Amino acid sequence: MAKLAVIFAFLFSTALVAQAASGANSVGHVDRQLTCSTICFTLRGAEERAEIDCRRRGPGCAVIPCERSGRTGFTCGVAPTPTPSPSQIPISEGPIMVPTILQFPPEIEIGGTINVTIEVTVDDLSSSTMEDFYLLSDATGSMAEEITEVQENFDMLVDARRNASGDVAFGVGFYRDEEDIPPFENLQSLTTNLGLVDTAIASLNAVDGGDIPEANLFAISEVATNPSIGWRDGSRKILVYFGDAPGHEPTCPADSVPLTRDVVVDQLNEIGIAVVATNFAASNTEGLNAATTSATGTNFGCPGPVVNSPSGQADAITSGTLGSIRRIADSDAGSLIDQILDAVTALPQELSVSTTDCDGRVAITFRPDLPLLIAAGETRSIVEEATILPGACEFPDGFTCEINLNLSGVGVRQTIATTSIAGCVPGDGFP
């Protein structure tokens, strides 16, 4: 389990300045459906009257200063939320340990900032508590020894991934030549039922195959885009495929755009699938990375003359999805499971970020910038800084927005919280 230790300290770059509530007679305060008062009391006994009003309004309201027609008074406003000290801020549980709340102090001014330092250590690249693992086999006649190795030792792979990630779903499929029937078959959609997975593995059979290129691109595209595969939301997604020949490129299945390595990489990245390729290649060949040609058969043939595509197809697919490729001699089928496990363990992970309702209100920056690729065994310190923007003046009584950090499928939500904003200039479109 990856361990992410967090060191954080709040650095407030703005003084806390008392700021009277602005306004005329109506100074309503609403926060999370809580309505406190509509009156700024300025006559004799104003503070006592505001206090009586607060008792009528109920918990959550408090007496705060206000101003009406140049006279200072008191109103019943939303009670300010105390700014927690660093020791009081909750830390998220699980592989990503970050403060769940970044609380600005009351009356924070435009330009005020909070800094948090997050230390991220990736130990064994198994940070995800939910992992989807799909095995895609070249099942043409030349793959008999490799398929036997999978059938005899797939349980080793299952045990290793379950020990690393806990909740793991497995799926199994195969591809052959584009003119074989079927050129691709999903033997088992992603499931945690290991009995079904074992049955699918046992059914793999090395037969057929026509010319050298196979249906690689079509099969990978199907695994990435067909809903029946069953990739789970929030999981770390890994596709492992093995073979000894590239796929026809481009290939033109019916009712689809022509598939190239770039198109397939985009499809994989759309849902965040990292690809590990195991390339069985004789010493004088490039195997999965060999140069290839466009499809010409009746099922996947592309219009026009045959196109020659360059070598490096598997390299492009793996590097384009933050995956990896391992080359194995075609005589060393017995190392397949070990090579797959080593490659998956060594996958880098990407730390990325998205925000909800923060635009224009709070600027979020990270040093170093995100997304950030973190290698196995690497430790990185990341500084997160939140800065109040002028757009926050639309919410003088405070607001919240959210930051979503994601590490290879593992997400954690962080709330940015304010209770009141100071330094806004009336007449500039703000209250």
Protein backbone atom coordinates (compact mmCIF):
# COMPACT_ATOMS: atom_id res chain seq x y z
CA MET A 1 0.00 0.00 0.00
CA ALA A 2 1.46 3.32 -0.96
CA LYS A 3 2.07 5.56 2.03
CA LEU A 4 1.50 9.28 1.71
CA ALA A 5 2.66 11.22 4.72
CA VAL A 6 1.49 14.80 5.07
CA ILE A 7 3.21 17.74 6.69
CA PHE A 8 1.15 20.91 6.64
CA ALA A 9 1.28 24.40 8.07
CA PHE A 10 -0.96 27.38 7.46
CA LEU A 11 0.83 30.53 6.33
CA PHE A 12 -1.54 33.48 6.28
CA SER A 13 -0.22 36.31 4.14
CA THR A 14 -2.85 38.82 5.22
CA ALA A 15 -3.63 40.44 8.56
CA LEU A 16 -6.97 39.72 10.20
CA VAL A 17 -8.78 43.03 9.95
CA ALA A 18 -12.15 43.61 11.63
CA GLN A 19 -14.64 44.55 8.96
CA ALA A 20 -18.13 45.90 9.66
CA ALA A 21 -21.01 44.41 7.74
CA SER A 22 -21.89 46.74 4.90
CA GLY A 23 -25.21 47.93 3.80
CA ALA A 24 -28.43 49.70 4.18
CA ASN A 25 -31.35 48.51 6.24
CA SER A 26 -31.34 45.03 4.71
CA VAL A 27 -28.22 43.04 5.57
CA GLY A 28 -29.44 39.48 5.16
CA HIS A 29 -26.97 36.67 5.80
CA VAL A 30 -27.53 33.24 4.29
CA ASP A 31 -25.17 30.29 4.68
CA ARG A 32 -26.14 26.69 3.84
CA GLN A 33 -29.86 27.54 3.98
CA LEU A 34 -29.41 29.37 7.36
CA THR A 35 -31.07 32.80 7.37
CA CYS A 36 -30.22 34.97 10.36
CA SER A 37 -31.39 38.61 10.15
CA THR A 38 -32.57 41.35 7.82
CA ILE A 39 -32.24 44.36 10.15
CA CYS A 40 -29.24 46.52 11.10
CA PHE A 41 -30.13 47.99 14.52
CA THR A 42 -28.56 51.44 15.11
CA LEU A 43 -30.72 53.08 17.82
CA ARG A 44 -30.35 52.86 21.60
CA GLY A 45 -30.05 49.29 22.80
CA ALA A 46 -29.08 48.11 19.29
CA GLU A 47 -26.79 45.32 20.52
CA GLU A 48 -29.41 43.99 22.93
CA ARG A 49 -32.07 44.10 20.20
CA ALA A 50 -29.77 42.21 17.83
CA GLU A 51 -29.16 39.64 20.55
CA ILE A 52 -32.91 39.17 21.07
CA ASP A 53 -33.30 38.75 17.31
CA CYS A 54 -30.57 36.09 17.31
CA ARG A 55 -32.31 34.12 20.04
CA ARG A 56 -35.41 34.05 17.87
CA ARG A 57 -33.42 32.90 14.85
CA GLY A 58 -31.84 29.94 16.63
CA PRO A 59 -28.38 28.28 16.69
CA GLY A 60 -25.85 29.37 14.13
CA CYS A 61 -26.61 33.11 14.39
CA ALA A 62 -24.51 35.63 16.32
CA VAL A 63 -24.39 39.39 16.93
CA ILE A 64 -21.98 41.11 14.51
CA PRO A 65 -21.33 44.78 13.62
CA CYS A 66 -23.11 46.46 10.72
CA GLU A 67 -23.40 49.95 9.26
CA ARG A 68 -26.44 51.84 8.00
CA SER A 69 -26.52 55.41 6.72
CA GLY A 70 -23.11 56.10 8.22
CA ARG A 71 -24.10 54.86 11.68
CA THR A 72 -22.57 51.81 13.32
CA GLY A 73 -24.98 49.24 14.64
CA PHE A 74 -25.49 45.55 15.25
CA THR A 75 -27.26 42.79 13.37
CA CYS A 76 -27.89 39.09 13.83
CA GLY A 77 -25.55 37.44 11.32
CA VAL A 78 -24.23 33.99 10.61
CA ALA A 79 -21.93 32.98 13.44
CA PRO A 80 -18.34 32.88 12.19
CA THR A 81 -16.79 29.44 12.05
CA PRO A 82 -13.67 29.28 14.23
CA THR A 83 -10.53 28.71 12.19
CA PRO A 84 -9.18 25.34 13.27
CA SER A 85 -5.56 25.04 14.25
CA PRO A 86 -3.45 22.64 12.17
CA SER A 87 -3.75 19.98 14.88
CA GLN A 88 -7.54 20.11 14.59
CA ILE A 89 -7.77 19.68 10.82
CA PRO A 90 -8.89 16.16 9.86
CA ILE A 91 -6.67 14.09 7.59
CA SER A 92 -8.18 11.84 4.96
CA GLU A 93 -7.77 8.14 5.57
CA GLY A 94 -6.39 5.75 2.99
CA PRO A 95 -3.55 5.99 0.49
CA ILE A 96 -3.82 9.76 -0.09
CA MET A 97 -3.39 11.51 3.22
CA VAL A 98 -4.11 15.22 2.86
CA PRO A 99 -5.97 17.77 5.00
CA THR A 100 -9.65 17.40 4.13
CA ILE A 101 -10.29 21.12 4.85
CA LEU A 102 -8.33 24.25 3.97
CA GLN A 103 -9.98 26.81 6.25
CA PHE A 104 -9.28 30.49 5.57
CA PRO A 105 -9.43 32.76 8.63
CA PRO A 106 -12.46 35.08 9.07
CA GLU A 107 -12.26 38.37 7.17
CA ILE A 108 -9.63 37.05 4.80
CA GLU A 109 -8.69 39.70 2.24
CA ILE A 110 -8.37 39.41 -1.52
CA GLY A 111 -4.94 37.94 -2.20
CA GLY A 112 -4.78 36.10 1.13
CA THR A 113 -3.26 32.64 0.88
CA ILE A 114 -3.01 29.30 2.65
CA ASN A 115 -0.10 26.92 2.00
CA VAL A 116 -0.12 23.18 2.61
CA THR A 117 2.85 20.89 2.04
CA ILE A 118 1.97 17.31 1.04
CA GLU A 119 4.66 14.65 1.06
CA VAL A 120 3.89 11.84 -1.37
CA THR A 121 5.77 8.55 -1.19
CA VAL A 122 4.94 5.74 -3.61
CA ASP A 123 6.35 2.48 -2.26
CA ASP A 124 4.98 -0.38 -4.35
CA LEU A 125 2.59 1.36 -6.76
CA SER A 126 -0.39 -0.40 -5.23
CA SER A 127 -2.01 2.72 -3.82
CA SER A 128 -5.42 1.86 -5.16
CA THR A 129 -7.82 0.00 -2.91
CA MET A 130 -9.81 -0.92 -6.03
CA GLU A 131 -8.07 -2.27 -9.12
CA ASP A 132 -9.38 -3.57 -12.45
CA PHE A 133 -6.99 -5.93 -14.26
CA TYR A 134 -7.78 -7.17 -17.78
CA LEU A 135 -5.63 -9.84 -19.47
CA LEU A 136 -5.71 -9.84 -23.28
CA SER A 137 -4.01 -12.76 -25.02
CA ASP A 138 -2.86 -13.26 -28.58
CA ALA A 139 -4.52 -16.64 -29.12
CA THR A 140 -3.12 -17.49 -32.56
CA GLY A 141 -1.24 -20.75 -33.13
CA SER A 142 2.19 -19.37 -32.18
CA MET A 143 1.08 -18.57 -28.61
CA ALA A 144 0.52 -22.14 -27.31
CA GLU A 145 3.38 -22.11 -24.77
CA GLU A 146 2.52 -18.64 -23.45
CA ILE A 147 -1.14 -19.57 -22.98
CA THR A 148 -0.13 -22.74 -21.13
CA GLU A 149 2.02 -20.62 -18.79
CA VAL A 150 -0.95 -18.36 -18.07
CA GLN A 151 -3.26 -21.29 -17.40
CA GLU A 152 -0.79 -22.94 -15.03
CA ASN A 153 0.31 -19.86 -13.06
CA PHE A 154 -2.36 -17.18 -13.33
CA ASP A 155 -3.20 -17.79 -9.67
CA MET A 156 0.22 -16.31 -8.77
CA LEU A 157 -0.76 -13.10 -10.50
CA VAL A 158 -4.16 -13.07 -8.78
CA ASP A 159 -2.63 -13.53 -5.33
CA ALA A 160 -0.01 -10.83 -5.90
CA ARG A 161 -2.49 -8.19 -7.10
CA ARG A 162 -5.00 -9.00 -4.35
CA ASN A 163 -2.28 -8.66 -1.73
CA ALA A 164 -1.25 -5.32 -3.21
CA SER A 165 -4.62 -3.73 -3.84
CA GLY A 166 -7.29 -5.63 -1.95
CA ASP A 167 -10.40 -5.23 -4.10
CA VAL A 168 -9.31 -6.51 -7.53
CA ALA A 169 -11.55 -7.42 -10.45
CA PHE A 170 -10.14 -9.53 -13.28
CA GLY A 171 -11.21 -9.83 -16.88
CA VAL A 172 -9.99 -12.09 -19.72
CA GLY A 173 -10.11 -11.84 -23.50
CA PHE A 174 -8.23 -12.89 -26.62
CA TYR A 175 -7.59 -11.74 -30.17
CA ARG A 176 -6.55 -13.53 -33.33
CA ASP A 177 -6.29 -12.45 -36.96
CA GLU A 178 -8.83 -9.94 -38.22
CA GLU A 179 -10.29 -12.52 -40.61
CA ASP A 180 -10.66 -15.17 -37.91
CA ILE A 181 -14.04 -15.72 -36.32
CA PRO A 182 -14.09 -14.09 -33.83
CA PRO A 183 -11.15 -11.68 -34.23
CA PHE A 184 -11.68 -10.63 -30.58
CA GLU A 185 -13.68 -12.20 -27.78
CA ASN A 186 -14.31 -10.99 -24.26
CA LEU A 187 -14.26 -14.31 -22.41
CA GLN A 188 -14.98 -12.74 -19.03
CA SER A 189 -15.93 -9.21 -18.11
CA LEU A 190 -14.28 -7.72 -15.06
CA THR A 191 -15.38 -9.60 -11.95
CA THR A 192 -14.24 -10.45 -8.45
CA ASN A 193 -15.60 -13.99 -8.89
CA LEU A 194 -12.38 -15.96 -9.32
CA GLY A 195 -14.24 -19.09 -10.37
CA LEU A 196 -15.49 -17.31 -13.47
CA VAL A 197 -12.00 -15.96 -14.16
CA ASP A 198 -10.46 -19.45 -13.88
CA THR A 199 -13.03 -20.81 -16.32
CA ALA A 200 -12.18 -18.08 -18.82
CA ILE A 201 -8.44 -18.69 -18.49
CA ALA A 202 -8.92 -22.43 -18.99
CA SER A 203 -10.84 -21.81 -22.23
CA LEU A 204 -7.94 -20.00 -23.93
CA ASN A 205 -6.77 -21.95 -26.96
CA ALA A 206 -3.98 -21.16 -29.45
CA VAL A 207 -5.33 -21.69 -32.98
CA ASP A 208 -5.67 -19.98 -36.35
CA GLY A 209 -3.95 -16.84 -37.55
CA GLY A 210 -3.42 -15.81 -41.16
CA ASP A 211 -0.88 -13.21 -42.16
CA ILE A 212 1.58 -11.92 -39.55
CA PRO A 213 -0.29 -8.82 -38.25
CA GLU A 214 -3.24 -9.60 -35.98
CA ALA A 215 -6.33 -7.81 -34.59
CA ASN A 216 -4.40 -6.05 -31.78
CA LEU A 217 -5.76 -2.54 -32.34
CA PHE A 218 -9.34 -3.71 -32.73
CA ALA A 219 -9.14 -5.83 -29.57
CA ILE A 220 -7.56 -3.07 -27.47
CA SER A 221 -10.13 -0.58 -28.76
CA GLU A 222 -12.95 -2.94 -27.76
CA VAL A 223 -11.49 -3.41 -24.27
CA ALA A 224 -11.31 0.38 -23.86
CA THR A 225 -14.72 1.33 -25.26
CA ASN A 226 -17.14 -1.60 -25.00
CA PRO A 227 -19.35 -1.12 -21.90
CA SER A 228 -19.63 -4.89 -21.47
CA ILE A 229 -16.00 -5.02 -20.28
CA GLY A 230 -17.19 -3.45 -17.01
CA TRP A 231 -14.45 -1.04 -15.91
CA ARG A 232 -15.43 0.27 -12.48
CA ASP A 233 -15.63 3.95 -11.62
CA GLY A 234 -12.80 5.00 -9.31
CA SER A 235 -10.64 1.93 -9.95
CA ARG A 236 -7.04 1.80 -11.03
CA LYS A 237 -7.32 0.34 -14.54
CA ILE A 238 -4.65 -1.93 -16.03
CA LEU A 239 -4.72 -3.74 -19.38
CA VAL A 240 -2.04 -6.39 -19.97
CA TYR A 241 -1.69 -7.84 -23.44
CA PHE A 242 0.91 -10.22 -24.85
CA GLY A 243 1.78 -11.45 -28.32
CA ASP A 244 4.47 -11.72 -30.98
CA ALA A 245 3.11 -9.58 -33.83
CA PRO A 246 1.63 -6.08 -34.24
CA GLY A 247 -1.89 -5.29 -35.27
CA HIS A 248 -2.90 -4.17 -38.73
CA GLU A 249 -2.70 -0.36 -38.85
CA PRO A 250 -4.90 1.30 -39.77
CA THR A 251 -7.74 -1.12 -39.36
CA CYS A 252 -11.27 -0.23 -40.36
CA PRO A 253 -14.01 -2.14 -38.49
CA ALA A 254 -17.55 -1.46 -39.60
CA ASP A 255 -19.34 1.47 -37.90
CA SER A 256 -16.08 2.80 -36.50
CA VAL A 257 -13.47 5.37 -37.31
CA PRO A 258 -10.27 3.85 -38.74
CA LEU A 259 -8.17 2.68 -35.82
CA THR A 260 -4.55 3.73 -35.48
CA ARG A 261 -2.21 3.63 -32.49
CA ASP A 262 -3.02 7.27 -31.74
CA VAL A 263 -6.79 6.72 -31.85
CA VAL A 264 -6.50 3.72 -29.53
CA VAL A 265 -4.29 5.64 -27.08
CA ASP A 266 -6.93 8.39 -26.91
CA GLN A 267 -9.63 5.78 -26.21
CA LEU A 268 -7.57 4.24 -23.41
CA ASN A 269 -6.79 7.60 -21.84
CA GLU A 270 -10.45 8.58 -21.94
CA ILE A 271 -11.07 6.32 -18.95
CA GLY A 272 -7.51 6.11 -17.62
CA ILE A 273 -6.31 2.63 -18.63
CA ALA A 274 -2.58 1.95 -18.27
CA VAL A 275 -1.30 -0.66 -20.74
CA VAL A 276 1.42 -3.23 -20.07
CA ALA A 277 2.62 -5.10 -23.16
CA THR A 278 4.66 -8.30 -23.04
CA ASN A 279 6.46 -8.65 -26.36
CA PHE A 280 7.53 -12.14 -27.38
CA ALA A 281 10.04 -11.54 -30.15
CA ALA A 282 12.71 -13.68 -31.75
CA SER A 283 16.19 -12.18 -31.76
CA ASN A 284 15.87 -10.99 -35.36
CA THR A 285 12.34 -9.57 -35.10
CA GLU A 286 10.52 -6.72 -33.36
CA GLY A 287 7.40 -8.71 -32.45
CA LEU A 288 4.64 -6.36 -31.23
CA ASN A 289 6.73 -3.42 -32.43
CA ALA A 290 7.29 -4.61 -35.99
CA ALA A 291 6.29 -2.45 -38.93
CA THR A 292 2.82 -3.31 -40.17
CA THR A 293 0.28 -2.67 -42.92
CA SER A 294 -3.33 -1.58 -43.19
CA ALA A 295 -6.08 -4.16 -43.07
CA THR A 296 -7.28 -5.47 -46.43
CA GLY A 297 -9.72 -8.28 -45.61
CA THR A 298 -13.48 -8.29 -45.95
CA ASN A 299 -14.12 -7.70 -42.24
CA PHE A 300 -11.74 -4.82 -41.48
CA GLY A 301 -10.36 -3.72 -44.82
CA CYS A 302 -9.57 -0.02 -45.24
CA PRO A 303 -10.43 1.72 -48.54
CA GLY A 304 -7.67 2.62 -50.95
CA PRO A 305 -4.22 1.13 -51.44
CA VAL A 306 -2.35 -0.72 -48.71
CA VAL A 307 -0.71 1.61 -46.20
CA ASN A 308 2.64 0.79 -44.59
CA SER A 309 2.77 1.83 -40.93
CA PRO A 310 6.04 2.30 -39.05
CA SER A 311 7.41 0.13 -36.28
CA GLY A 312 6.86 0.94 -32.60
CA GLN A 313 3.11 0.28 -32.28
CA ALA A 314 3.33 -1.34 -28.82
CA ASP A 315 5.82 1.28 -27.61
CA ALA A 316 3.39 4.03 -28.60
CA ILE A 317 0.43 2.40 -26.86
CA THR A 318 2.27 1.73 -23.61
CA SER A 319 4.13 5.04 -23.35
CA GLY A 320 1.00 6.95 -24.35
CA THR A 321 -0.95 5.47 -21.43
CA LEU A 322 1.77 5.70 -18.73
CA GLY A 323 2.31 1.97 -19.12
CA SER A 324 5.35 -0.15 -19.94
CA ILE A 325 6.57 -2.86 -22.28
CA ARG A 326 8.73 -5.91 -21.60
CA ARG A 327 10.54 -7.84 -24.33
CA ILE A 328 10.85 -11.58 -23.77
CA ALA A 329 12.62 -14.07 -25.99
CA ASP A 330 10.11 -16.24 -27.81
CA SER A 331 11.72 -19.27 -26.15
CA ASP A 332 11.16 -17.96 -22.62
CA ALA A 333 7.40 -18.36 -22.19
CA GLY A 334 7.88 -19.57 -18.61
CA SER A 335 8.80 -16.06 -17.44
CA LEU A 336 5.55 -14.46 -18.64
CA ILE A 337 3.77 -14.17 -15.26
CA ASP A 338 6.90 -12.89 -13.50
CA GLN A 339 7.44 -10.31 -16.23
CA ILE A 340 3.84 -9.11 -16.01
CA LEU A 341 4.03 -8.76 -12.22
CA ASP A 342 7.34 -6.87 -12.38
CA ALA A 343 6.00 -4.53 -15.05
CA VAL A 344 2.79 -3.77 -13.16
CA THR A 345 4.67 -3.17 -9.90
CA ALA A 346 6.99 -0.71 -11.67
CA LEU A 347 4.23 1.35 -13.29
CA PRO A 348 4.48 5.07 -12.52
CA GLN A 349 1.44 6.82 -11.10
CA GLU A 350 0.09 10.22 -12.04
CA LEU A 351 -1.10 12.67 -9.41
CA SER A 352 -3.72 14.96 -10.97
CA VAL A 353 -6.18 17.56 -9.71
CA SER A 354 -9.57 19.01 -10.58
CA THR A 355 -11.69 21.63 -8.85
CA THR A 356 -15.40 22.21 -8.32
CA ASP A 357 -16.88 25.72 -7.87
CA CYS A 358 -13.45 27.29 -7.22
CA ASP A 359 -13.03 29.15 -10.53
CA GLY A 360 -12.87 32.90 -10.03
CA ARG A 361 -13.10 32.56 -6.24
CA VAL A 362 -9.89 30.74 -5.30
CA ALA A 363 -6.74 30.10 -7.32
CA ILE A 364 -5.19 26.70 -6.61
CA THR A 365 -1.55 26.16 -7.55
CA PHE A 366 0.89 23.34 -6.91
CA ARG A 367 4.68 23.26 -6.82
CA PRO A 368 5.72 21.27 -8.77
CA ASP A 369 2.85 21.60 -11.21
CA LEU A 370 0.20 18.90 -11.52
CA PRO A 371 -0.31 16.50 -13.17
CA LEU A 372 2.87 14.96 -11.79
CA LEU A 373 4.21 11.53 -12.70
CA ILE A 374 5.61 9.72 -9.66
CA ALA A 375 7.87 6.73 -10.23
CA ALA A 376 7.98 3.59 -8.11
CA GLY A 377 9.96 4.24 -4.94
CA GLU A 378 10.02 8.00 -5.44
CA THR A 379 9.15 10.52 -2.73
CA ARG A 380 7.94 14.00 -3.69
CA SER A 381 7.00 17.01 -1.60
CA ILE A 382 4.20 19.03 -3.18
CA VAL A 383 3.18 22.48 -2.01
CA GLU A 384 -0.48 23.36 -2.49
CA GLU A 385 -1.40 27.04 -2.32
CA ALA A 386 -4.91 28.53 -2.26
CA THR A 387 -5.31 32.28 -2.95
CA ILE A 388 -8.51 34.32 -2.57
CA LEU A 389 -9.51 35.97 -5.88
CA PRO A 390 -11.70 39.08 -6.47
CA GLY A 391 -14.58 36.84 -7.52
CA ALA A 392 -14.90 35.81 -3.88
CA CYS A 393 -16.48 39.22 -3.23
CA GLU A 394 -19.71 37.83 -4.66
CA PHE A 395 -19.88 35.76 -1.46
CA PRO A 396 -19.02 38.20 1.37
CA ASP A 397 -20.41 35.80 3.98
CA GLY A 398 -18.20 32.96 2.83
CA PHE A 399 -18.40 29.97 0.51
CA THR A 400 -16.93 26.53 -0.03
CA CYS A 401 -15.44 24.88 -3.09
CA GLU A 402 -13.73 21.54 -3.64
CA ILE A 403 -10.38 20.20 -4.79
CA ASN A 404 -10.22 16.62 -6.04
CA LEU A 405 -6.81 14.91 -5.96
CA ASN A 406 -6.41 11.67 -7.87
CA LEU A 407 -3.55 9.17 -7.85
CA SER A 408 -4.06 6.49 -10.53
CA GLY A 409 -7.72 6.01 -9.75
CA VAL A 410 -7.55 6.78 -6.04
CA GLY A 411 -9.37 10.04 -5.31
CA VAL A 412 -9.71 12.24 -2.25
CA ARG A 413 -11.83 15.35 -1.85
CA GLN A 414 -10.61 18.47 -0.11
CA THR A 415 -12.83 21.42 0.86
CA ILE A 416 -11.76 25.06 0.65
CA ALA A 417 -13.77 26.98 3.27
CA THR A 418 -14.21 30.69 3.99
CA THR A 419 -16.51 32.43 6.47
CA SER A 420 -16.19 36.08 5.41
CA ILE A 421 -14.32 38.13 2.82
CA ALA A 422 -12.74 41.54 3.46
CA GLY A 423 -11.33 44.16 1.11
CA CYS A 424 -14.15 44.18 -1.45
CA VAL A 425 -15.03 47.56 -2.98
CA PRO A 426 -18.80 48.27 -3.26
CA GLY A 427 -19.82 49.50 -6.66
CA ASP A 428 -17.52 47.22 -8.63
CA GLY A 429 -20.26 44.70 -9.16
CA PHE A 430 -19.90 43.28 -5.66
CA PRO A 431 -22.18 43.70 -2.66
